Amino acid sequence: MQTKPLSMAAQTAFAQVAEAVLTAEHLRTVADLSGAFTSKRVKGHQYWYYQFSEPSGARRQIFVGPDNDAVRALIAKAEQPGEQNVEALARAALSLGCGELLPRHFKVLRRLSEYGFFRSGGVLIGTHAFVAYGNMLGVQWTGADAARTQDIDFAHAGKNISLALAPNFQVQTHAAIESLEMGFLPISGMSGKTGGAYLIPNEKEFRLDFLTTARRGGEIPYEHPDLHVTLQPLKFMEFSLVNVQQTALLSRNGAIMANVPHPARYALHKLIVAGEREGIFLAKAGKDLMQAGLLLSVLREAVPWQVEEAWEDLKERGTGWTGRARRGLAALAKRFPTERFGEWLE
C-alpha cells in the first residue's frame, strides 16, 4: 500500500462534506428521527406532533406546537431534504477519489450516530478510522482496499470520559444494534456475562468490538450504565483517547460525523499494539505496522510537531510504554527502511 495526494478538488469536496455533516449534527431536530409530522384536534384546537417508532415498536409523539403560521413554517423547513444534499456532496467527493466505507458498515455507523453514540464520547478506531485519515490528510491510500476489513472497532473512555454531557444522557447502544435487523448477537465470555463484542453467527468475521481503557482489576468487561453496552478493557487504549478529533465518514449512501483518535496517537498506538500480537494475531501486526508507517510518513511531511508531542507523552508514561514502542519502531524499519523513523523519534 502506498499513498498519493488527493486533488485540490477532492480535498475541497471533502471539506464541504465535513462542514455539512458537522452543521447537521449541531442543528439536529426531531425531524431527524425516523417518522413524520402529524396533526390532531384536542378540545376543538389543532396541534402538531412528531410521531416516530422506538426500536421496541412502541410509537411515540413529541409535541411541536399549535397549528399556526410559525409552526407550519418550522415544519416545512424541517422537511426540506437536507440529507439528500449531504448525500450529493458525499458522492461528489467519492467521485474525485476520497476514501469510502462499505455501505453495510456505514449503515451500522449511521445508526449508532443517530442514537447518539458519538455525541456521548464514542470513538471509531481501527481500519475505518484509518480510511478517514486519508481524507483528513488529503491523501489516498493505494495498492490495497483498506475499507474491506470486516470488523468495526469502537472505544469509549468509560468512567474517565471528560466530555460535558447533559445529566442522565442515555444512549441505547444495544437497542440501536438490534434495530439494524442484521443478525448481530452479543458474544458471551467464559464467565457467562456479555462481552464487548457483537457478531453475525454465519459471518463471524463481521463483528463489532466495543473497547475501553484498562483499569485496576484486569480485563473484566465493564457494563456502561449510560451507553447500555459492555466495554472490553484493552491495555494502552487510553493513549488513543487523548485529543480526539471529529471528521466525516463517507459512503455512497451519505456521510456522518464521527470521533476518531488523533492520527499521530493512532500511529504510535499501532506501534505498541503490533509488539503485543502473538500466535494467530501476528497477521494483524503486519497491518498495524503498515498503517503506522503510512501515517507517520504523511504526518512527518505535514505536521511533524504533532507526532513529536505525542511521542514525548508516550515516553513520559514509563519504560513499559517506550520499550514496546521502540520494538514497534524496529519492526517498522524492516517495512520502511528508507524512512528512518527510529532516528526521528528519539
Protein backbone atom coordinates (compact mmCIF):
# COMPACT_ATOMS: atom_id res chain seq x y z
CA MET A 1 0.00 0.00 0.00
CA GLN A 2 1.25 3.45 -0.91
CA THR A 3 -0.11 7.00 -0.84
CA LYS A 4 -0.81 9.64 -3.44
CA PRO A 5 -2.13 13.16 -2.91
CA LEU A 6 -5.80 13.86 -3.38
CA SER A 7 -6.50 16.58 -5.91
CA MET A 8 -7.35 20.03 -4.62
CA ALA A 9 -10.88 19.48 -5.94
CA ALA A 10 -11.20 16.29 -3.88
CA GLN A 11 -9.87 18.00 -0.75
CA THR A 12 -12.30 20.88 -1.23
CA ALA A 13 -15.19 18.45 -1.75
CA PHE A 14 -14.31 16.59 1.44
CA ALA A 15 -14.11 19.85 3.38
CA GLN A 16 -17.62 20.71 2.16
CA VAL A 17 -18.97 17.34 3.29
CA ALA A 18 -17.28 17.69 6.69
CA GLU A 19 -18.76 21.15 7.19
CA ALA A 20 -22.22 19.94 6.15
CA VAL A 21 -22.33 16.94 8.50
CA LEU A 22 -20.91 18.93 11.40
CA THR A 23 -23.56 21.60 10.90
CA ALA A 24 -26.27 18.95 10.64
CA GLU A 25 -25.08 17.34 13.86
CA HIS A 26 -25.26 20.60 15.77
CA LEU A 27 -28.64 21.53 14.28
CA ARG A 28 -30.25 18.12 14.72
CA THR A 29 -34.05 18.34 15.15
CA VAL A 30 -36.87 15.93 15.88
CA ALA A 31 -37.31 15.57 12.12
CA ASP A 32 -34.03 13.63 12.04
CA LEU A 33 -35.83 10.79 13.81
CA SER A 34 -37.44 8.23 11.52
CA GLY A 35 -41.08 9.35 11.48
CA ALA A 36 -43.44 12.05 10.28
CA PHE A 37 -45.31 15.14 11.41
CA THR A 38 -48.97 14.63 12.22
CA SER A 39 -51.75 16.87 13.48
CA LYS A 40 -54.71 16.14 15.70
CA ARG A 41 -57.58 18.07 17.22
CA VAL A 42 -57.72 18.36 21.00
CA LYS A 43 -60.73 20.09 22.61
CA GLY A 44 -61.53 21.97 19.43
CA HIS A 45 -57.95 23.11 18.71
CA GLN A 46 -55.48 21.73 16.13
CA TYR A 47 -51.96 20.77 17.30
CA TRP A 48 -48.89 19.37 15.55
CA TYR A 49 -46.80 16.43 16.80
CA TYR A 50 -43.84 14.47 15.50
CA GLN A 51 -44.63 10.74 15.57
CA PHE A 52 -41.93 8.05 15.42
CA SER A 53 -41.36 4.42 16.38
CA GLU A 54 -38.91 3.20 19.00
CA PRO A 55 -36.86 0.04 18.31
CA SER A 56 -39.31 -1.89 20.51
CA GLY A 57 -42.11 -0.98 18.13
CA ALA A 58 -43.82 1.43 20.54
CA ARG A 59 -44.99 4.64 18.90
CA ARG A 60 -44.17 7.98 20.49
CA GLN A 61 -45.19 11.55 19.81
CA ILE A 62 -43.27 14.75 20.51
CA PHE A 63 -45.34 17.92 20.83
CA VAL A 64 -44.36 20.54 18.23
CA GLY A 65 -46.93 23.29 18.73
CA PRO A 66 -50.37 24.66 17.85
CA ASP A 67 -51.48 24.91 14.24
CA ASN A 68 -50.36 28.40 13.19
CA ASP A 69 -48.20 30.03 10.53
CA ALA A 70 -45.00 29.90 12.60
CA VAL A 71 -45.30 26.17 13.38
CA ARG A 72 -46.22 25.30 9.78
CA ALA A 73 -43.15 27.23 8.58
CA LEU A 74 -40.98 25.32 11.06
CA ILE A 75 -42.37 22.01 9.80
CA ALA A 76 -41.78 22.98 6.18
CA LYS A 77 -38.18 23.88 6.96
CA ALA A 78 -37.60 20.64 8.89
CA GLU A 79 -38.97 18.59 5.99
CA GLN A 80 -36.54 20.09 3.49
CA PRO A 81 -34.28 17.35 2.02
CA GLY A 82 -31.06 18.38 3.72
CA GLU A 83 -29.90 14.76 3.95
CA GLN A 84 -30.10 14.44 0.18
CA ASN A 85 -27.75 17.41 -0.11
CA VAL A 86 -25.24 15.64 2.13
CA GLU A 87 -25.54 12.50 0.00
CA ALA A 88 -24.89 14.52 -3.15
CA LEU A 89 -21.82 16.15 -1.58
CA ALA A 90 -20.52 12.77 -0.40
CA ARG A 91 -20.90 11.19 -3.83
CA ALA A 92 -19.14 14.13 -5.44
CA ALA A 93 -16.20 13.72 -3.05
CA LEU A 94 -16.05 9.98 -3.71
CA SER A 95 -16.07 10.53 -7.47
CA LEU A 96 -12.97 12.69 -7.04
CA GLY A 97 -11.06 9.95 -5.19
CA CYS A 98 -11.88 10.33 -1.48
CA GLY A 99 -11.92 7.15 0.58
CA GLU A 100 -15.25 5.47 1.31
CA LEU A 101 -16.70 2.89 3.67
CA LEU A 102 -18.69 -0.16 2.62
CA PRO A 103 -22.45 0.53 2.58
CA ARG A 104 -23.26 -2.16 5.18
CA HIS A 105 -20.57 -0.81 7.51
CA PHE A 106 -21.83 2.72 7.00
CA LYS A 107 -25.33 1.52 7.87
CA VAL A 108 -24.06 0.40 11.29
CA LEU A 109 -22.14 3.61 11.89
CA ARG A 110 -25.03 5.84 10.86
CA ARG A 111 -27.44 4.03 13.17
CA LEU A 112 -25.09 4.42 16.16
CA SER A 113 -24.68 8.07 15.24
CA GLU A 114 -28.46 8.53 15.14
CA TYR A 115 -28.72 7.06 18.64
CA GLY A 116 -26.07 9.49 19.97
CA PHE A 117 -23.11 7.12 20.40
CA PHE A 118 -20.54 9.60 19.08
CA ARG A 119 -22.14 12.55 20.87
CA SER A 120 -21.71 10.58 24.11
CA GLY A 121 -17.94 10.30 23.59
CA GLY A 122 -17.82 7.14 21.47
CA VAL A 123 -14.76 6.92 19.21
CA LEU A 124 -14.31 4.99 15.96
CA ILE A 125 -10.95 3.22 15.95
CA GLY A 126 -9.29 0.61 13.75
CA THR A 127 -9.13 0.49 9.97
CA HIS A 128 -12.29 2.55 9.46
CA ALA A 129 -10.58 5.43 11.25
CA PHE A 130 -7.51 4.85 9.06
CA VAL A 131 -9.68 5.26 5.95
CA ALA A 132 -10.98 8.56 7.38
CA TYR A 133 -7.43 9.81 7.97
CA GLY A 134 -6.71 9.68 4.25
CA ASN A 135 -9.49 12.18 3.59
CA MET A 136 -8.50 14.30 6.59
CA LEU A 137 -4.86 14.49 5.48
CA GLY A 138 -5.55 14.92 1.77
CA VAL A 139 -4.10 11.60 0.60
CA GLN A 140 -5.38 8.42 -0.97
CA TRP A 141 -4.28 5.01 0.31
CA THR A 142 -3.48 2.99 -2.83
CA GLY A 143 -2.43 -0.57 -3.60
CA ALA A 144 -4.91 -2.21 -1.21
CA ASP A 145 -8.52 -1.70 -0.21
CA ALA A 146 -8.34 -0.61 3.40
CA ALA A 147 -12.13 -0.32 3.61
CA ARG A 148 -12.68 -4.06 3.14
CA THR A 149 -11.91 -5.02 6.73
CA GLN A 150 -14.89 -6.84 8.22
CA ASP A 151 -14.71 -5.77 11.87
CA ILE A 152 -15.72 -2.34 13.17
CA ASP A 153 -13.96 -1.20 16.32
CA PHE A 154 -15.20 1.39 18.80
CA ALA A 155 -13.78 2.81 22.00
CA HIS A 156 -15.11 4.84 24.88
CA ALA A 157 -13.28 6.22 27.89
CA GLY A 158 -15.92 4.77 30.22
CA LYS A 159 -15.94 6.40 33.63
CA ASN A 160 -12.92 8.50 32.66
CA ILE A 161 -14.72 10.50 29.98
CA SER A 162 -14.20 14.24 30.32
CA LEU A 163 -16.87 15.49 27.89
CA ALA A 164 -19.51 17.80 29.31
CA LEU A 165 -22.69 15.79 28.77
CA ALA A 166 -26.26 16.55 29.76
CA PRO A 167 -27.35 14.97 33.07
CA ASN A 168 -28.68 11.42 32.65
CA PHE A 169 -27.59 11.33 28.98
CA GLN A 170 -28.53 7.85 27.81
CA VAL A 171 -27.50 6.04 24.62
CA GLN A 172 -29.37 2.83 23.83
CA THR A 173 -26.44 1.24 22.00
CA HIS A 174 -27.71 -2.33 22.30
CA ALA A 175 -31.14 -1.26 21.02
CA ALA A 176 -29.50 0.57 18.11
CA ILE A 177 -27.69 -2.60 17.05
CA GLU A 178 -30.86 -4.66 17.38
CA SER A 179 -32.83 -2.14 15.32
CA LEU A 180 -30.50 -2.76 12.36
CA GLU A 181 -32.02 -6.24 12.00
CA MET A 182 -28.75 -7.52 10.53
CA GLY A 183 -28.47 -10.53 12.84
CA PHE A 184 -25.85 -9.22 15.30
CA LEU A 185 -25.73 -11.12 18.59
CA PRO A 186 -23.69 -10.22 21.70
CA ILE A 187 -20.78 -12.53 22.49
CA SER A 188 -20.70 -14.08 25.96
CA GLY A 189 -17.42 -14.50 27.82
CA MET A 190 -16.29 -17.51 29.83
CA SER A 191 -17.99 -16.09 32.92
CA GLY A 192 -21.33 -16.13 31.11
CA LYS A 193 -21.52 -12.35 31.04
CA THR A 194 -21.89 -10.50 27.78
CA GLY A 195 -18.54 -9.41 26.40
CA GLY A 196 -17.77 -6.23 24.50
CA ALA A 197 -18.49 -7.59 21.02
CA TYR A 198 -21.29 -8.49 18.61
CA LEU A 199 -21.13 -10.78 15.61
CA ILE A 200 -23.37 -12.34 12.99
CA PRO A 201 -23.27 -16.14 13.57
CA ASN A 202 -22.92 -17.08 9.90
CA GLU A 203 -20.50 -14.18 9.19
CA LYS A 204 -18.12 -14.39 12.12
CA GLU A 205 -15.61 -12.02 10.56
CA PHE A 206 -18.21 -9.22 10.54
CA ARG A 207 -18.16 -8.12 14.16
CA LEU A 208 -18.48 -5.03 16.30
CA ASP A 209 -16.00 -4.57 19.15
CA PHE A 210 -16.51 -2.06 21.97
CA LEU A 211 -13.35 -1.27 23.92
CA THR A 212 -12.37 0.93 26.83
CA THR A 213 -9.30 1.76 28.89
CA ALA A 214 -7.88 -0.89 31.20
CA ARG A 215 -8.47 -0.27 34.91
CA ARG A 216 -7.45 -1.95 38.10
CA GLY A 217 -8.99 -5.38 38.11
CA GLY A 218 -7.58 -6.51 34.79
CA GLU A 219 -9.64 -7.19 31.69
CA ILE A 220 -13.08 -7.66 33.24
CA PRO A 221 -15.74 -6.30 30.84
CA TYR A 222 -17.35 -3.09 32.04
CA GLU A 223 -21.10 -2.64 31.58
CA HIS A 224 -21.57 1.06 30.93
CA PRO A 225 -24.80 2.22 32.63
CA ASP A 226 -25.43 5.15 30.28
CA LEU A 227 -24.31 3.57 26.98
CA HIS A 228 -26.19 0.31 27.57
CA VAL A 229 -23.37 -1.75 26.10
CA THR A 230 -20.48 -3.76 27.54
CA LEU A 231 -16.96 -2.41 27.03
CA GLN A 232 -13.91 -4.67 26.91
CA PRO A 233 -10.83 -3.13 28.61
CA LEU A 234 -7.67 -3.01 26.49
CA LYS A 235 -4.19 -2.09 27.64
CA PHE A 236 -2.76 1.18 26.30
CA MET A 237 -6.13 2.28 24.88
CA GLU A 238 -6.10 5.50 26.93
CA PHE A 239 -3.28 6.87 24.72
CA SER A 240 -5.61 6.95 21.71
CA LEU A 241 -8.40 8.71 23.60
CA VAL A 242 -6.45 11.92 24.22
CA ASN A 243 -7.13 14.86 21.87
CA VAL A 244 -9.88 13.04 19.95
CA GLN A 245 -10.79 14.57 16.56
CA GLN A 246 -14.04 14.94 14.64
CA THR A 247 -14.30 14.02 10.97
CA ALA A 248 -16.74 12.98 8.26
CA LEU A 249 -17.20 9.34 7.24
CA LEU A 250 -18.17 8.95 3.60
CA SER A 251 -20.28 6.38 1.78
CA ARG A 252 -22.23 6.34 -1.45
CA ASN A 253 -25.28 6.45 0.87
CA GLY A 254 -24.30 9.67 2.62
CA ALA A 255 -21.99 10.95 5.33
CA ILE A 256 -21.96 11.30 9.11
CA MET A 257 -19.82 12.95 11.74
CA ALA A 258 -17.75 10.67 14.00
CA ASN A 259 -14.99 10.91 16.57
CA VAL A 260 -11.60 9.35 15.73
CA PRO A 261 -8.28 9.30 17.58
CA HIS A 262 -5.72 11.93 16.70
CA PRO A 263 -3.82 10.41 13.73
CA ALA A 264 -0.41 10.80 15.42
CA ARG A 265 -1.63 8.96 18.51
CA TYR A 266 -3.30 6.32 16.36
CA ALA A 267 0.01 5.66 14.56
CA LEU A 268 2.06 5.41 17.76
CA HIS A 269 -0.58 3.23 19.42
CA LYS A 270 -0.31 0.85 16.45
CA LEU A 271 3.42 0.51 17.13
CA ILE A 272 2.68 -0.59 20.69
CA VAL A 273 -0.12 -2.95 19.70
CA ALA A 274 1.97 -4.59 16.95
CA GLY A 275 4.51 -5.69 19.54
CA GLU A 276 1.74 -7.29 21.63
CA ARG A 277 0.42 -9.51 18.82
CA GLU A 278 1.05 -13.21 19.28
CA GLY A 279 0.04 -16.51 17.72
CA ILE A 280 -2.88 -16.29 15.30
CA PHE A 281 -2.94 -12.50 15.70
CA LEU A 282 0.53 -11.99 14.19
CA ALA A 283 -1.04 -11.36 10.77
CA LYS A 284 -2.72 -8.28 12.21
CA ALA A 285 0.67 -6.97 13.34
CA GLY A 286 1.61 -6.51 9.69
CA LYS A 287 -1.48 -4.37 9.11
CA ASP A 288 -0.73 -2.37 12.28
CA LEU A 289 2.79 -1.60 11.08
CA MET A 290 1.67 -0.73 7.55
CA GLN A 291 -0.90 1.76 8.81
CA ALA A 292 1.55 3.24 11.32
CA GLY A 293 4.25 3.66 8.69
CA LEU A 294 1.99 5.29 6.12
CA LEU A 295 0.52 7.69 8.67
CA LEU A 296 3.91 8.66 10.08
CA SER A 297 5.23 9.28 6.55
CA VAL A 298 2.37 11.66 5.77
CA LEU A 299 2.39 13.36 9.17
CA ARG A 300 6.16 13.97 9.06
CA GLU A 301 5.66 15.99 5.89
CA ALA A 302 2.55 17.83 7.08
CA VAL A 303 2.65 18.28 10.88
CA PRO A 304 5.80 16.66 12.35
CA TRP A 305 5.46 18.52 15.66
CA GLN A 306 2.18 16.75 16.37
CA VAL A 307 3.89 13.36 16.20
CA GLU A 308 6.80 14.62 18.31
CA GLU A 309 4.44 15.90 21.00
CA ALA A 310 2.60 12.57 21.09
CA TRP A 311 5.93 10.70 21.26
CA GLU A 312 7.04 12.79 24.23
CA ASP A 313 3.79 11.98 26.00
CA LEU A 314 4.33 8.28 25.28
CA LYS A 315 7.85 8.35 26.73
CA GLU A 316 6.61 10.03 29.91
CA ARG A 317 4.28 7.07 30.55
CA GLY A 318 7.18 4.81 31.55
CA THR A 319 9.61 2.19 30.33
CA GLY A 320 6.88 -0.35 29.57
CA TRP A 321 5.40 2.03 27.03
CA THR A 322 8.67 3.13 25.45
CA GLY A 323 10.06 -0.41 25.30
CA ARG A 324 7.07 -1.65 23.33
CA ALA A 325 7.04 1.42 21.07
CA ARG A 326 10.74 1.01 20.26
CA ARG A 327 10.19 -2.66 19.40
CA GLY A 328 7.48 -1.45 17.06
CA LEU A 329 9.87 1.05 15.51
CA ALA A 330 12.43 -1.69 14.96
CA ALA A 331 9.84 -3.80 13.16
CA LEU A 332 8.73 -0.75 11.20
CA ALA A 333 12.29 -0.20 9.97
CA LYS A 334 12.13 -3.51 8.11
CA ARG A 335 8.98 -2.45 6.25
CA PHE A 336 10.02 1.17 5.64
CA PRO A 337 13.85 1.03 5.54
CA THR A 338 14.28 4.43 3.87
CA GLU A 339 12.09 6.37 6.30
CA ARG A 340 14.42 6.20 9.35
CA PHE A 341 11.57 6.63 11.82
CA GLY A 342 13.80 5.43 14.67
CA GLU A 343 16.21 8.31 14.17
CA TRP A 344 13.35 10.81 14.05
CA LEU A 345 11.54 9.63 17.18
CA GLU A 346 14.41 9.59 19.67
